[in-house]
Amino acid sequence: VLQQVTKVLSALSFVPRDGVTSSCNRAAEVLLTHVQEVDTVSLCTYTAGVPSVCLLAGAAGHGTQLLQQQLVMSGSNWAPYLCAVSGAQFLYRTVAAPEDAEALPQDWAALHEVAGLRTFLAAQVAVPGQGVVGVLCLASRSRGAFMDGSWGPLLSMAATGLVPCLTSPW
C-alpha cells in the first residue's frame, strides 16, 4: 500500500496548476493510471452553505462524458453530495443484483446503466479547520471491488494530494 501511495502522491505532485479544470482532469487521469481496479475517477469540489453544492472539477475513464452533462450536484440524489454531507469519510455501493442498482445515487445509477460500472467508492477530501472541500469518486466494472482494507488508507492519503487541486479558486 505504501508503495502505491508513494507513486500516486508523487504523480499528483507533478500535475500542473495551470487551470482548475485541466488540473483536476489531469489529477483524475493520474489516479486512473496509478490505482488498480479503477475504471472511472471523478473529482468534485464541495461548497458548504445555502445551498450546499458539489461541482464536477475533473473526470477520467468510462462514463466521463455522462458525468460532464451534470456539472452542478446538490441534493441526496448525487453521490458526491451524499458523501460530503454524510459525516462518514467514505460512501460505498456495489451492484450484486438488479435491485441494488435501484438504490444507487443518480450519477452512479447512470454510470452503471451506460458504462457497466458496478462498484462505487467516494471519499471526502477535507482540510483541517475547513472541513470537506471536495469528494473523490472511484468506480469499477468489477462487482465487490474496493473491499480490501488498504483502500481506506490509500484514499485518505490520495485525498491529501488532491487538496491543492480542489481548493483552487472557483
Protein backbone atom coordinates (compact mmCIF):
# COMPACT_ATOMS: atom_id res chain seq x y z
CA VAL A 1 0.00 0.00 0.00
CA LEU A 2 2.77 2.42 0.93
CA GLN A 3 4.45 1.93 -2.45
CA GLN A 4 1.21 2.63 -4.29
CA VAL A 5 0.52 5.72 -2.15
CA THR A 6 4.03 7.00 -2.83
CA LYS A 7 3.55 6.55 -6.60
CA VAL A 8 0.16 8.27 -6.55
CA LEU A 9 1.31 11.22 -4.42
CA SER A 10 4.46 11.63 -6.48
CA ALA A 11 2.47 11.64 -9.74
CA LEU A 12 -0.08 14.09 -8.29
CA SER A 13 2.73 16.45 -7.27
CA PHE A 14 3.61 16.85 -10.97
CA VAL A 15 0.09 17.86 -12.03
CA PRO A 16 0.38 21.43 -13.31
CA ARG A 17 -1.77 24.02 -11.54
CA ASP A 18 -2.43 25.95 -14.77
CA GLY A 19 -6.21 25.88 -14.69
CA VAL A 20 -8.66 24.36 -12.26
CA THR A 21 -10.50 22.09 -14.70
CA SER A 22 -7.42 20.98 -16.61
CA SER A 23 -5.55 20.35 -13.34
CA CYS A 24 -8.40 18.31 -11.91
CA ASN A 25 -8.83 16.36 -15.16
CA ARG A 26 -5.11 15.59 -15.11
CA ALA A 27 -5.29 14.54 -11.45
CA ALA A 28 -8.19 12.20 -12.32
CA GLU A 29 -6.10 10.71 -15.15
CA VAL A 30 -3.19 10.18 -12.74
CA LEU A 31 -5.43 8.27 -10.33
CA LEU A 32 -6.96 6.25 -13.15
CA THR A 33 -3.47 5.27 -14.31
CA HIS A 34 -1.91 4.53 -10.92
CA VAL A 35 -4.73 2.96 -8.90
CA GLN A 36 -5.64 -0.64 -9.69
CA GLU A 37 -9.22 -1.87 -10.22
CA VAL A 38 -10.43 1.63 -11.12
CA ASP A 39 -12.31 2.27 -14.38
CA THR A 40 -13.59 5.79 -13.63
CA VAL A 41 -12.38 8.66 -11.45
CA SER A 42 -14.21 11.89 -10.76
CA LEU A 43 -13.27 14.84 -8.57
CA CYS A 44 -15.79 17.31 -7.22
CA THR A 45 -15.42 20.46 -5.18
CA TYR A 46 -17.81 20.94 -2.29
CA THR A 47 -19.09 24.28 -1.10
CA ALA A 48 -20.95 24.33 2.19
CA GLY A 49 -23.59 26.98 2.55
CA VAL A 50 -27.03 27.72 1.28
CA PRO A 51 -27.36 25.90 -0.96
CA SER A 52 -24.59 23.37 -0.47
CA VAL A 53 -23.33 22.13 -3.83
CA CYS A 54 -20.76 19.89 -5.45
CA LEU A 55 -19.21 20.90 -8.76
CA LEU A 56 -17.59 18.40 -11.11
CA ALA A 57 -13.98 19.54 -11.31
CA GLY A 58 -12.44 16.67 -13.27
CA ALA A 59 -13.05 13.17 -14.54
CA ALA A 60 -11.32 10.35 -16.41
CA GLY A 61 -12.28 6.90 -17.61
CA HIS A 62 -15.52 5.19 -18.62
CA GLY A 63 -18.61 7.37 -18.49
CA THR A 64 -16.73 10.67 -18.32
CA GLN A 65 -18.95 12.27 -20.97
CA LEU A 66 -22.01 11.24 -18.98
CA LEU A 67 -20.63 12.86 -15.82
CA GLN A 68 -19.83 16.06 -17.71
CA GLN A 69 -23.52 16.50 -18.53
CA GLN A 70 -24.23 17.38 -14.88
CA LEU A 71 -21.60 19.77 -13.57
CA VAL A 72 -23.55 21.02 -10.53
CA MET A 73 -24.82 18.47 -8.00
CA SER A 74 -26.95 19.27 -4.99
CA GLY A 75 -29.26 17.03 -3.01
CA SER A 76 -29.34 13.46 -1.85
CA ASN A 77 -29.59 12.03 -5.38
CA TRP A 78 -25.89 12.67 -6.08
CA ALA A 79 -23.04 10.57 -4.68
CA PRO A 80 -20.51 13.40 -4.15
CA TYR A 81 -23.07 15.45 -2.26
CA LEU A 82 -24.13 12.44 -0.17
CA CYS A 83 -20.51 11.72 0.73
CA ALA A 84 -19.74 15.35 1.56
CA VAL A 85 -22.66 15.76 3.97
CA SER A 86 -22.87 12.23 5.38
CA GLY A 87 -20.47 12.68 8.27
CA ALA A 88 -18.67 9.50 7.17
CA GLN A 89 -15.35 9.66 5.34
CA PHE A 90 -16.42 7.09 2.70
CA LEU A 91 -19.53 6.13 0.75
CA TYR A 92 -19.55 2.64 -0.81
CA ARG A 93 -22.07 0.86 -3.05
CA THR A 94 -21.88 -2.27 -5.19
CA VAL A 95 -24.38 -3.80 -7.59
CA ALA A 96 -24.57 -7.53 -6.93
CA ALA A 97 -28.20 -7.93 -8.06
CA PRO A 98 -30.52 -5.81 -10.28
CA GLU A 99 -32.37 -4.37 -7.27
CA ASP A 100 -29.08 -2.96 -5.94
CA ALA A 101 -28.94 -0.59 -8.91
CA GLU A 102 -32.24 0.97 -7.85
CA ALA A 103 -30.66 2.14 -4.57
CA LEU A 104 -27.71 3.91 -6.24
CA PRO A 105 -27.44 7.70 -6.27
CA GLN A 106 -28.47 9.18 -9.62
CA ASP A 107 -24.95 9.68 -11.02
CA TRP A 108 -23.81 6.19 -10.06
CA ALA A 109 -27.02 4.64 -11.40
CA ALA A 110 -26.39 6.32 -14.76
CA LEU A 111 -22.76 5.12 -14.80
CA HIS A 112 -23.97 1.61 -14.02
CA GLU A 113 -26.54 1.68 -16.81
CA VAL A 114 -24.47 3.39 -19.51
CA ALA A 115 -20.88 2.32 -18.73
CA GLY A 116 -21.45 -1.02 -16.98
CA LEU A 117 -19.81 0.11 -13.74
CA ARG A 118 -20.80 -1.99 -10.74
CA THR A 119 -18.88 -0.83 -7.69
CA PHE A 120 -18.52 2.72 -6.43
CA LEU A 121 -16.49 4.37 -3.68
CA ALA A 122 -16.46 8.03 -2.70
CA ALA A 123 -14.04 9.64 -0.25
CA GLN A 124 -14.16 13.04 1.36
CA VAL A 125 -11.30 15.44 0.68
CA ALA A 126 -11.01 17.52 3.85
CA VAL A 127 -8.82 20.31 5.17
CA PRO A 128 -8.31 20.74 8.92
CA GLY A 129 -10.23 23.77 10.09
CA GLN A 130 -12.21 23.99 6.85
CA GLY A 131 -13.88 20.61 6.70
CA VAL A 132 -14.85 18.90 3.46
CA VAL A 133 -13.63 20.77 0.36
CA GLY A 134 -14.23 18.04 -2.20
CA VAL A 135 -15.03 14.44 -2.97
CA LEU A 136 -13.06 11.80 -4.86
CA CYS A 137 -15.24 9.15 -6.55
CA LEU A 138 -13.96 5.87 -7.97
CA ALA A 139 -15.90 3.28 -9.95
CA SER A 140 -15.10 -0.21 -11.19
CA ARG A 141 -16.69 -2.71 -13.53
CA SER A 142 -15.82 -5.42 -11.02
CA ARG A 143 -18.50 -6.36 -8.54
CA GLY A 144 -17.23 -6.07 -4.98
CA ALA A 145 -14.14 -4.02 -5.89
CA PHE A 146 -12.57 -1.77 -3.24
CA MET A 147 -13.27 -4.23 -0.40
CA ASP A 148 -9.64 -4.73 0.60
CA GLY A 149 -8.70 -2.95 3.83
CA SER A 150 -5.95 -0.99 2.09
CA TRP A 151 -8.46 1.22 0.24
CA GLY A 152 -9.16 3.40 3.28
CA PRO A 153 -5.55 4.46 3.87
CA LEU A 154 -4.85 4.74 0.12
CA LEU A 155 -7.81 7.05 -0.48
CA SER A 156 -7.15 9.09 2.64
CA MET A 157 -3.60 9.78 1.51
CA ALA A 158 -4.61 10.35 -2.12
CA ALA A 159 -7.23 12.84 -0.90
CA THR A 160 -4.44 14.78 0.79
CA GLY A 161 -2.68 15.02 -2.56
CA LEU A 162 -5.86 16.39 -4.15
CA VAL A 163 -6.33 19.29 -1.72
CA PRO A 164 -4.33 21.82 -3.83
CA CYS A 165 -6.36 20.95 -6.91
CA LEU A 166 -9.76 21.14 -5.20
CA THR A 167 -9.09 24.27 -3.14
CA SER A 168 -8.02 26.39 -6.10
CA PRO A 169 -10.24 29.43 -6.63
CA TRP A 170 -13.52 28.59 -8.29
